[in-house]
Amino acid sequence: MLGNEKGGSGKSTTAVHIGVGLAHAGFRTAMIDLDSRQRTVARYLENRVAFGTKRDLVLPTPDVAVIADGPDAAAELALRLDQASGFDFIVVDTPGRDSELARAALARADTIVTPINDSFVDFDLIGQVDPETFAVRRPSFYAELIWDARRARAKADGTQVDWIVLRNRLSTLEAKNRKRVGAALEELSKRVGFRVVGGLSERVIFREFFPRGLTLLDRNALEDFSLSHVGARTELRALLAGLNLPDWDPSKLA
């Protein structure tokens, strides 16, 4: 499950790349888009199917469903998850806000992925820091929300939920800020129990991919495969490996 109550962290872009990455690796993959207003994930995959059909390309694509928030939304999500035995993985993208539906997804997740931009503005979602020393004062509301969900899941069925914080949009500049954010993440991770994994850098190519529904893994569809693509693809492969998903084999993305 991709979860973050702050917008602009690259959550939906990351979700699509994870879902398509799993499909490329041969896994039967489904995606559930819980943001029925923006429908970023659903639109991305619709563009992908249309572009592949137009160009007569084979583009591995997860199945996708959209669930609108409402009185019966949590029940619909539970039903879809319970009936998903035909899939190896289900990737759920939650909206950038708190809702009953987002909490229902959180309660069922085996792996929670929280992308954040590499700044203290985004870090504030999960932890508060001292303004002078940048030492962590306390976990923030979202970290406490995930802590409670993981504890409830462990009590209910013994599942140890893996929480991963992705450092998206790492900048090559502002090295001091990057180091401070990294130190704060390391300190907080020991207190609330998440793993830190490198995410996706800020690149123009991600905005260019959306209209065609392409990803870094679709080399056969990329007209100008550049060194920038190579670097970004390496980041994505490292991200996917860092998720530690069952039966993951990096060689399937060679």
C-alpha atoms as a PDB file:
ATOM      1  CA  MET A   1       0.000   0.000   0.000  1.00  0.00           C
ATOM      2  CA  LEU A   2       1.244   3.474  -0.915  1.00  0.00           C
ATOM      3  CA  GLY A   3       0.256   5.896   1.822  1.00  0.00           C
ATOM      4  CA  ASN A   4       1.028   9.534   2.558  1.00  0.00           C
ATOM      5  CA  GLU A   5      -1.391  12.241   3.681  1.00  0.00           C
ATOM      6  CA  LYS A   6       0.680  14.976   2.049  1.00  0.00           C
ATOM      7  CA  GLY A   7       0.376  15.594  -1.662  1.00  0.00           C
ATOM      8  CA  GLY A   8       3.232  16.096  -4.106  1.00  0.00           C
ATOM      9  CA  SER A   9       5.483  13.327  -2.833  1.00  0.00           C
ATOM     10  CA  GLY A  10       5.395  11.287  -6.049  1.00  0.00           C
ATOM     11  CA  LYS A  11       3.157   8.663  -4.461  1.00  0.00           C
ATOM     12  CA  SER A  12       1.059   7.796  -7.501  1.00  0.00           C
ATOM     13  CA  THR A  13       4.057   7.831  -9.861  1.00  0.00           C
ATOM     14  CA  THR A  14       5.878   5.488  -7.490  1.00  0.00           C
ATOM     15  CA  ALA A  15       2.796   3.261  -7.204  1.00  0.00           C
ATOM     16  CA  VAL A  16       2.506   2.892 -10.989  1.00  0.00           C
ATOM     17  CA  HIS A  17       6.193   2.090 -11.367  1.00  0.00           C
ATOM     18  CA  ILE A  18       5.961  -0.561  -8.649  1.00  0.00           C
ATOM     19  CA  GLY A  19       2.836  -2.086 -10.191  1.00  0.00           C
ATOM     20  CA  VAL A  20       4.245  -2.102 -13.720  1.00  0.00           C
ATOM     21  CA  GLY A  21       7.574  -3.382 -12.404  1.00  0.00           C
ATOM     22  CA  LEU A  22       5.827  -6.376 -10.853  1.00  0.00           C
ATOM     23  CA  ALA A  23       3.913  -6.993 -14.088  1.00  0.00           C
ATOM     24  CA  HIS A  24       7.164  -6.785 -16.090  1.00  0.00           C
ATOM     25  CA  ALA A  25       8.671  -9.370 -13.737  1.00  0.00           C
ATOM     26  CA  GLY A  26       5.863 -11.798 -14.609  1.00  0.00           C
ATOM     27  CA  PHE A  27       3.718 -11.433 -11.492  1.00  0.00           C
ATOM     28  CA  ARG A  28      -0.069 -11.317 -11.779  1.00  0.00           C
ATOM     29  CA  THR A  29      -0.589  -7.800 -10.487  1.00  0.00           C
ATOM     30  CA  ALA A  30      -3.599  -5.638  -9.723  1.00  0.00           C
ATOM     31  CA  MET A  31      -3.791  -2.016  -8.677  1.00  0.00           C
ATOM     32  CA  ILE A  32      -6.541  -0.299  -6.706  1.00  0.00           C
ATOM     33  CA  ASP A  33      -6.880   3.475  -6.971  1.00  0.00           C
ATOM     34  CA  LEU A  34      -8.633   4.899  -3.913  1.00  0.00           C
ATOM     35  CA  ASP A  35      -8.480   8.500  -5.114  1.00  0.00           C
ATOM     36  CA  SER A  36     -11.579   8.530  -7.284  1.00  0.00           C
ATOM     37  CA  ARG A  37     -11.418  12.290  -7.835  1.00  0.00           C
ATOM     38  CA  GLN A  38      -7.952  12.495  -9.396  1.00  0.00           C
ATOM     39  CA  ARG A  39      -7.739   8.857 -10.570  1.00  0.00           C
ATOM     40  CA  THR A  40      -4.033   9.342 -11.306  1.00  0.00           C
ATOM     41  CA  VAL A  41      -3.166   5.645 -11.237  1.00  0.00           C
ATOM     42  CA  ALA A  42      -6.232   4.634 -13.249  1.00  0.00           C
ATOM     43  CA  ARG A  43      -5.644   7.364 -15.838  1.00  0.00           C
ATOM     44  CA  TYR A  44      -1.964   6.410 -16.101  1.00  0.00           C
ATOM     45  CA  LEU A  45      -2.826   2.790 -16.874  1.00  0.00           C
ATOM     46  CA  GLU A  46      -5.631   3.775 -19.247  1.00  0.00           C
ATOM     47  CA  ASN A  47      -3.104   5.887 -21.171  1.00  0.00           C
ATOM     48  CA  ARG A  48      -0.746   2.905 -21.147  1.00  0.00           C
ATOM     49  CA  VAL A  49      -3.296   0.546 -22.682  1.00  0.00           C
ATOM     50  CA  ALA A  50      -4.288   3.104 -25.318  1.00  0.00           C
ATOM     51  CA  PHE A  51      -0.689   3.858 -26.296  1.00  0.00           C
ATOM     52  CA  GLY A  52       0.246   0.178 -26.488  1.00  0.00           C
ATOM     53  CA  THR A  53      -2.766  -0.549 -28.690  1.00  0.00           C
ATOM     54  CA  LYS A  54      -2.027   2.390 -30.986  1.00  0.00           C
ATOM     55  CA  ARG A  55       1.644   1.440 -31.426  1.00  0.00           C
ATOM     56  CA  ASP A  56       1.024  -2.332 -31.425  1.00  0.00           C
ATOM     57  CA  LEU A  57       3.308  -2.719 -28.403  1.00  0.00           C
ATOM     58  CA  VAL A  58       3.248  -5.344 -25.682  1.00  0.00           C
ATOM     59  CA  LEU A  59       3.259  -3.344 -22.448  1.00  0.00           C
ATOM     60  CA  PRO A  60       2.822  -5.463 -19.305  1.00  0.00           C
ATOM     61  CA  THR A  61      -0.007  -3.767 -17.424  1.00  0.00           C
ATOM     62  CA  PRO A  62      -1.637  -4.506 -14.077  1.00  0.00           C
ATOM     63  CA  ASP A  63      -5.401  -4.775 -13.819  1.00  0.00           C
ATOM     64  CA  VAL A  64      -6.837  -1.639 -12.203  1.00  0.00           C
ATOM     65  CA  ALA A  65      -9.957  -0.784 -10.214  1.00  0.00           C
ATOM     66  CA  VAL A  66     -11.142   2.516  -8.747  1.00  0.00           C
ATOM     67  CA  ILE A  67     -13.049   2.654  -5.473  1.00  0.00           C
ATOM     68  CA  ALA A  68     -14.854   5.864  -4.620  1.00  0.00           C
ATOM     69  CA  ASP A  69     -14.954   7.038  -1.033  1.00  0.00           C
ATOM     70  CA  GLY A  70     -18.364   6.659   0.562  1.00  0.00           C
ATOM     71  CA  PRO A  71     -20.400   4.721   3.137  1.00  0.00           C
ATOM     72  CA  ASP A  72     -19.771   1.329   1.483  1.00  0.00           C
ATOM     73  CA  ALA A  73     -16.244   1.969   0.210  1.00  0.00           C
ATOM     74  CA  ALA A  74     -14.408   0.122   2.991  1.00  0.00           C
ATOM     75  CA  ALA A  75     -16.644  -2.913   2.513  1.00  0.00           C
ATOM     76  CA  GLU A  76     -16.018  -2.862  -1.257  1.00  0.00           C
ATOM     77  CA  LEU A  77     -12.262  -2.696  -0.674  1.00  0.00           C
ATOM     78  CA  ALA A  78     -12.409  -5.620   1.752  1.00  0.00           C
ATOM     79  CA  LEU A  79     -14.457  -7.653  -0.754  1.00  0.00           C
ATOM     80  CA  ARG A  80     -12.017  -6.975  -3.594  1.00  0.00           C
ATOM     81  CA  LEU A  81      -9.051  -7.940  -1.432  1.00  0.00           C
ATOM     82  CA  ASP A  82     -10.768 -11.095  -0.210  1.00  0.00           C
ATOM     83  CA  GLN A  83     -11.562 -12.137  -3.793  1.00  0.00           C
ATOM     84  CA  ALA A  84      -8.073 -11.400  -5.141  1.00  0.00           C
ATOM     85  CA  SER A  85      -6.695 -14.926  -4.955  1.00  0.00           C
ATOM     86  CA  GLY A  86      -5.862 -14.815  -8.680  1.00  0.00           C
ATOM     87  CA  PHE A  87      -3.197 -12.160  -8.149  1.00  0.00           C
ATOM     88  CA  ASP A  88       0.321 -12.390  -6.761  1.00  0.00           C
ATOM     89  CA  PHE A  89       0.382  -8.739  -5.682  1.00  0.00           C
ATOM     90  CA  ILE A  90      -2.128  -5.957  -5.192  1.00  0.00           C
ATOM     91  CA  VAL A  91      -0.789  -2.397  -5.125  1.00  0.00           C
ATOM     92  CA  VAL A  92      -3.130   0.088  -3.458  1.00  0.00           C
ATOM     93  CA  ASP A  93      -2.695   3.820  -3.986  1.00  0.00           C
ATOM     94  CA  THR A  94      -4.399   5.913  -1.307  1.00  0.00           C
ATOM     95  CA  PRO A  95      -5.413   9.592  -1.596  1.00  0.00           C
ATOM     96  CA  GLY A  96      -3.283  12.313  -0.019  1.00  0.00           C
ATOM     97  CA  ARG A  97      -5.723  12.856   2.839  1.00  0.00           C
ATOM     98  CA  ASP A  98      -7.107  11.049   5.834  1.00  0.00           C
ATOM     99  CA  SER A  99     -10.274   9.041   5.216  1.00  0.00           C
ATOM    100  CA  GLU A 100     -12.037   5.928   6.428  1.00  0.00           C
ATOM    101  CA  LEU A 101     -11.162   4.236   3.139  1.00  0.00           C
ATOM    102  CA  ALA A 102      -7.448   5.036   3.484  1.00  0.00           C
ATOM    103  CA  ARG A 103      -7.464   3.673   7.025  1.00  0.00           C
ATOM    104  CA  ALA A 104      -9.214   0.514   5.841  1.00  0.00           C
ATOM    105  CA  ALA A 105      -6.441  -0.023   3.290  1.00  0.00           C
ATOM    106  CA  LEU A 106      -3.827   0.618   5.948  1.00  0.00           C
ATOM    107  CA  ALA A 107      -5.372  -2.039   8.174  1.00  0.00           C
ATOM    108  CA  ARG A 108      -5.065  -4.698   5.430  1.00  0.00           C
ATOM    109  CA  ALA A 109      -1.600  -3.874   4.091  1.00  0.00           C
ATOM    110  CA  ASP A 110       1.326  -6.294   4.350  1.00  0.00           C
ATOM    111  CA  THR A 111       3.785  -3.639   3.167  1.00  0.00           C
ATOM    112  CA  ILE A 112       3.252   0.104   3.674  1.00  0.00           C
ATOM    113  CA  VAL A 113       5.277   2.433   1.454  1.00  0.00           C
ATOM    114  CA  THR A 114       5.379   6.124   2.398  1.00  0.00           C
ATOM    115  CA  PRO A 115       7.141   8.292  -0.194  1.00  0.00           C
ATOM    116  CA  ILE A 116       8.379  11.643   1.088  1.00  0.00           C
ATOM    117  CA  ASN A 117      10.283  14.441  -0.576  1.00  0.00           C
ATOM    118  CA  ASP A 118      13.697  14.911   0.945  1.00  0.00           C
ATOM    119  CA  SER A 119      12.825  17.898   3.111  1.00  0.00           C
ATOM    120  CA  PHE A 120      11.734  18.669   6.634  1.00  0.00           C
ATOM    121  CA  VAL A 121       8.406  19.885   5.249  1.00  0.00           C
ATOM    122  CA  ASP A 122       7.606  16.300   4.278  1.00  0.00           C
ATOM    123  CA  PHE A 123       9.432  14.804   7.260  1.00  0.00           C
ATOM    124  CA  ASP A 124       6.964  16.649   9.508  1.00  0.00           C
ATOM    125  CA  LEU A 125       4.319  14.152   8.406  1.00  0.00           C
ATOM    126  CA  ILE A 126       6.069  11.416  10.376  1.00  0.00           C
ATOM    127  CA  GLY A 127       8.230  13.277  12.908  1.00  0.00           C
ATOM    128  CA  GLN A 128       8.844  16.624  14.555  1.00  0.00           C
ATOM    129  CA  VAL A 129      12.378  17.947  14.949  1.00  0.00           C
ATOM    130  CA  ASP A 130      14.096  20.537  17.122  1.00  0.00           C
ATOM    131  CA  PRO A 131      14.561  23.742  15.068  1.00  0.00           C
ATOM    132  CA  GLU A 132      18.096  24.274  16.382  1.00  0.00           C
ATOM    133  CA  THR A 133      19.609  20.786  16.487  1.00  0.00           C
ATOM    134  CA  PHE A 134      17.294  18.948  14.038  1.00  0.00           C
ATOM    135  CA  ALA A 135      17.089  16.108  16.548  1.00  0.00           C
ATOM    136  CA  VAL A 136      13.780  14.241  16.534  1.00  0.00           C
ATOM    137  CA  ARG A 137      11.420  15.425  19.249  1.00  0.00           C
ATOM    138  CA  ARG A 138       8.591  12.994  18.723  1.00  0.00           C
ATOM    139  CA  PRO A 139       6.726  10.989  16.063  1.00  0.00           C
ATOM    140  CA  SER A 140       3.973  12.886  14.237  1.00  0.00           C
ATOM    141  CA  PHE A 141       0.357  11.916  13.660  1.00  0.00           C
ATOM    142  CA  TYR A 142       0.933   9.731  10.583  1.00  0.00           C
ATOM    143  CA  ALA A 143       3.667   7.697  12.254  1.00  0.00           C
ATOM    144  CA  GLU A 144       1.345   7.164  15.207  1.00  0.00           C
ATOM    145  CA  LEU A 145      -1.466   6.132  12.841  1.00  0.00           C
ATOM    146  CA  ILE A 146       0.724   3.511  11.184  1.00  0.00           C
ATOM    147  CA  TRP A 147       2.074   2.354  14.547  1.00  0.00           C
ATOM    148  CA  ASP A 148      -1.478   1.706  15.770  1.00  0.00           C
ATOM    149  CA  ALA A 149      -2.440  -0.074  12.533  1.00  0.00           C
ATOM    150  CA  ARG A 150       0.616  -2.346  12.665  1.00  0.00           C
ATOM    151  CA  ARG A 151       0.019  -3.183  16.308  1.00  0.00           C
ATOM    152  CA  ALA A 152      -3.636  -4.012  15.626  1.00  0.00           C
ATOM    153  CA  ARG A 153      -2.674  -6.221  12.665  1.00  0.00           C
ATOM    154  CA  ALA A 154      -0.102  -8.118  14.721  1.00  0.00           C
ATOM    155  CA  LYS A 155      -2.666  -8.683  17.449  1.00  0.00           C
ATOM    156  CA  ALA A 156      -5.360  -9.775  14.973  1.00  0.00           C
ATOM    157  CA  ASP A 157      -3.472 -12.318  12.864  1.00  0.00           C
ATOM    158  CA  GLY A 158       0.219 -12.137  13.799  1.00  0.00           C
ATOM    159  CA  THR A 159       1.278 -10.340  10.593  1.00  0.00           C
ATOM    160  CA  GLN A 160       4.386  -8.185  10.942  1.00  0.00           C
ATOM    161  CA  VAL A 161       3.694  -5.286   8.602  1.00  0.00           C
ATOM    162  CA  ASP A 162       6.756  -3.877   6.856  1.00  0.00           C
ATOM    163  CA  TRP A 163       6.792  -0.064   6.797  1.00  0.00           C
ATOM    164  CA  ILE A 164       9.090   1.567   4.251  1.00  0.00           C
ATOM    165  CA  VAL A 165       9.816   5.282   3.919  1.00  0.00           C
ATOM    166  CA  LEU A 166      10.992   6.209   0.417  1.00  0.00           C
ATOM    167  CA  ARG A 167      13.252   9.230   0.024  1.00  0.00           C
ATOM    168  CA  ASN A 168      11.908  10.594  -3.241  1.00  0.00           C
ATOM    169  CA  ARG A 169      13.250  13.531  -5.250  1.00  0.00           C
ATOM    170  CA  LEU A 170      16.701  13.490  -3.718  1.00  0.00           C
ATOM    171  CA  SER A 171      18.555  16.569  -4.891  1.00  0.00           C
ATOM    172  CA  THR A 172      22.188  16.619  -5.950  1.00  0.00           C
ATOM    173  CA  LEU A 173      22.351  20.040  -4.301  1.00  0.00           C
ATOM    174  CA  GLU A 174      21.736  21.068  -0.664  1.00  0.00           C
ATOM    175  CA  ALA A 175      23.962  18.302   0.661  1.00  0.00           C
ATOM    176  CA  LYS A 176      23.746  19.659   4.220  1.00  0.00           C
ATOM    177  CA  ASN A 177      19.951  19.495   4.235  1.00  0.00           C
ATOM    178  CA  ARG A 178      20.018  16.001   2.730  1.00  0.00           C
ATOM    179  CA  LYS A 179      22.384  14.849   5.465  1.00  0.00           C
ATOM    180  CA  ARG A 180      20.196  16.351   8.203  1.00  0.00           C
ATOM    181  CA  VAL A 181      17.049  14.738   6.822  1.00  0.00           C
ATOM    182  CA  GLY A 182      18.875  11.423   6.546  1.00  0.00           C
ATOM    183  CA  ALA A 183      20.040  11.607  10.155  1.00  0.00           C
ATOM    184  CA  ALA A 184      16.523  12.444  11.349  1.00  0.00           C
ATOM    185  CA  LEU A 185      15.063   9.532   9.375  1.00  0.00           C
ATOM    186  CA  GLU A 186      17.615   7.142  10.848  1.00  0.00           C
ATOM    187  CA  GLU A 187      16.844   8.349  14.372  1.00  0.00           C
ATOM    188  CA  LEU A 188      13.077   8.139  13.926  1.00  0.00           C
ATOM    189  CA  SER A 189      13.242   4.740  12.210  1.00  0.00           C
ATOM    190  CA  LYS A 190      14.744   3.244  15.356  1.00  0.00           C
ATOM    191  CA  ARG A 191      11.899   4.633  17.434  1.00  0.00           C
ATOM    192  CA  VAL A 192       8.908   3.671  15.309  1.00  0.00           C
ATOM    193  CA  GLY A 193      10.286   0.815  13.217  1.00  0.00           C
ATOM    194  CA  PHE A 194      10.394   1.688   9.537  1.00  0.00           C
ATOM    195  CA  ARG A 195      13.015   1.006   6.878  1.00  0.00           C
ATOM    196  CA  VAL A 196      14.440   3.769   4.675  1.00  0.00           C
ATOM    197  CA  VAL A 197      14.781   2.996   0.957  1.00  0.00           C
ATOM    198  CA  GLY A 198      15.997   5.249  -1.839  1.00  0.00           C
ATOM    199  CA  GLY A 199      13.180   6.390  -4.092  1.00  0.00           C
ATOM    200  CA  LEU A 200      12.995   8.227  -7.406  1.00  0.00           C
ATOM    201  CA  SER A 201      14.840  11.450  -8.144  1.00  0.00           C
ATOM    202  CA  GLU A 202      13.193  14.553  -9.572  1.00  0.00           C
ATOM    203  CA  ARG A 203      13.268  14.041 -13.351  1.00  0.00           C
ATOM    204  CA  VAL A 204      11.337  15.651 -16.200  1.00  0.00           C
ATOM    205  CA  ILE A 205      10.862  12.245 -17.803  1.00  0.00           C
ATOM    206  CA  PHE A 206       8.270  11.231 -15.210  1.00  0.00           C
ATOM    207  CA  ARG A 207       5.980  14.075 -16.276  1.00  0.00           C
ATOM    208  CA  GLU A 208       6.548  13.174 -19.914  1.00  0.00           C
ATOM    209  CA  PHE A 209       5.658   9.515 -19.334  1.00  0.00           C
ATOM    210  CA  PHE A 210       2.115  10.085 -18.065  1.00  0.00           C
ATOM    211  CA  PRO A 211       0.278  10.880 -21.361  1.00  0.00           C
ATOM    212  CA  ARG A 212       1.569   7.622 -22.847  1.00  0.00           C
ATOM    213  CA  GLY A 213       1.390   5.602 -19.672  1.00  0.00           C
ATOM    214  CA  LEU A 214       5.016   4.590 -19.981  1.00  0.00           C
ATOM    215  CA  THR A 215       7.528   3.719 -17.277  1.00  0.00           C
ATOM    216  CA  LEU A 216      11.281   3.423 -17.066  1.00  0.00           C
ATOM    217  CA  LEU A 217      10.955  -0.305 -17.741  1.00  0.00           C
ATOM    218  CA  ASP A 218       9.376   0.088 -21.184  1.00  0.00           C
ATOM    219  CA  ARG A 219      12.598   0.321 -23.111  1.00  0.00           C
ATOM    220  CA  ASN A 220      10.988  -1.039 -26.273  1.00  0.00           C
ATOM    221  CA  ALA A 221       8.620   1.947 -26.280  1.00  0.00           C
ATOM    222  CA  LEU A 222      11.091   4.713 -25.423  1.00  0.00           C
ATOM    223  CA  GLU A 223      12.177   6.530 -28.532  1.00  0.00           C
ATOM    224  CA  ASP A 224      15.311   8.161 -27.113  1.00  0.00           C
ATOM    225  CA  PHE A 225      16.792   5.969 -24.402  1.00  0.00           C
ATOM    226  CA  SER A 226      19.340   8.295 -22.773  1.00  0.00           C
ATOM    227  CA  LEU A 227      21.814   8.239 -19.907  1.00  0.00           C
ATOM    228  CA  SER A 228      19.139   9.927 -17.815  1.00  0.00           C
ATOM    229  CA  HIS A 229      16.865   6.965 -18.444  1.00  0.00           C
ATOM    230  CA  VAL A 230      19.656   4.579 -17.483  1.00  0.00           C
ATOM    231  CA  GLY A 231      20.210   6.355 -14.160  1.00  0.00           C
ATOM    232  CA  ALA A 232      16.506   6.522 -13.387  1.00  0.00           C
ATOM    233  CA  ARG A 233      16.028   2.860 -14.309  1.00  0.00           C
ATOM    234  CA  THR A 234      18.838   1.925 -11.907  1.00  0.00           C
ATOM    235  CA  GLU A 235      17.042   3.840  -9.138  1.00  0.00           C
ATOM    236  CA  LEU A 236      13.811   2.002  -9.878  1.00  0.00           C
ATOM    237  CA  ARG A 237      15.467  -1.407  -9.847  1.00  0.00           C
ATOM    238  CA  ALA A 238      17.032  -0.574  -6.472  1.00  0.00           C
ATOM    239  CA  LEU A 239      13.657   0.615  -5.171  1.00  0.00           C
ATOM    240  CA  LEU A 240      11.920  -2.597  -6.221  1.00  0.00           C
ATOM    241  CA  ALA A 241      14.661  -4.725  -4.689  1.00  0.00           C
ATOM    242  CA  GLY A 242      14.459  -2.685  -1.476  1.00  0.00           C
ATOM    243  CA  LEU A 243      10.807  -3.603  -0.985  1.00  0.00           C
ATOM    244  CA  ASN A 244      11.890  -7.180  -0.130  1.00  0.00           C
ATOM    245  CA  LEU A 245       8.742  -8.628  -1.688  1.00  0.00           C
ATOM    246  CA  PRO A 246       8.217 -12.419  -1.755  1.00  0.00           C
ATOM    247  CA  ASP A 247       9.803 -14.257  -4.696  1.00  0.00           C
ATOM    248  CA  TRP A 248      11.298 -11.067  -6.105  1.00  0.00           C
ATOM    249  CA  ASP A 249      14.055 -11.774  -8.622  1.00  0.00           C
ATOM    250  CA  PRO A 250      15.913  -8.688  -9.951  1.00  0.00           C
ATOM    251  CA  SER A 251      17.096 -10.624 -12.986  1.00  0.00           C
ATOM    252  CA  LYS A 252      13.536 -10.621 -14.346  1.00  0.00           C
ATOM    253  CA  LEU A 253      13.965  -6.927 -15.109  1.00  0.00           C
ATOM    254  CA  ALA A 254      17.240  -7.333 -17.013  1.00  0.00           C
END
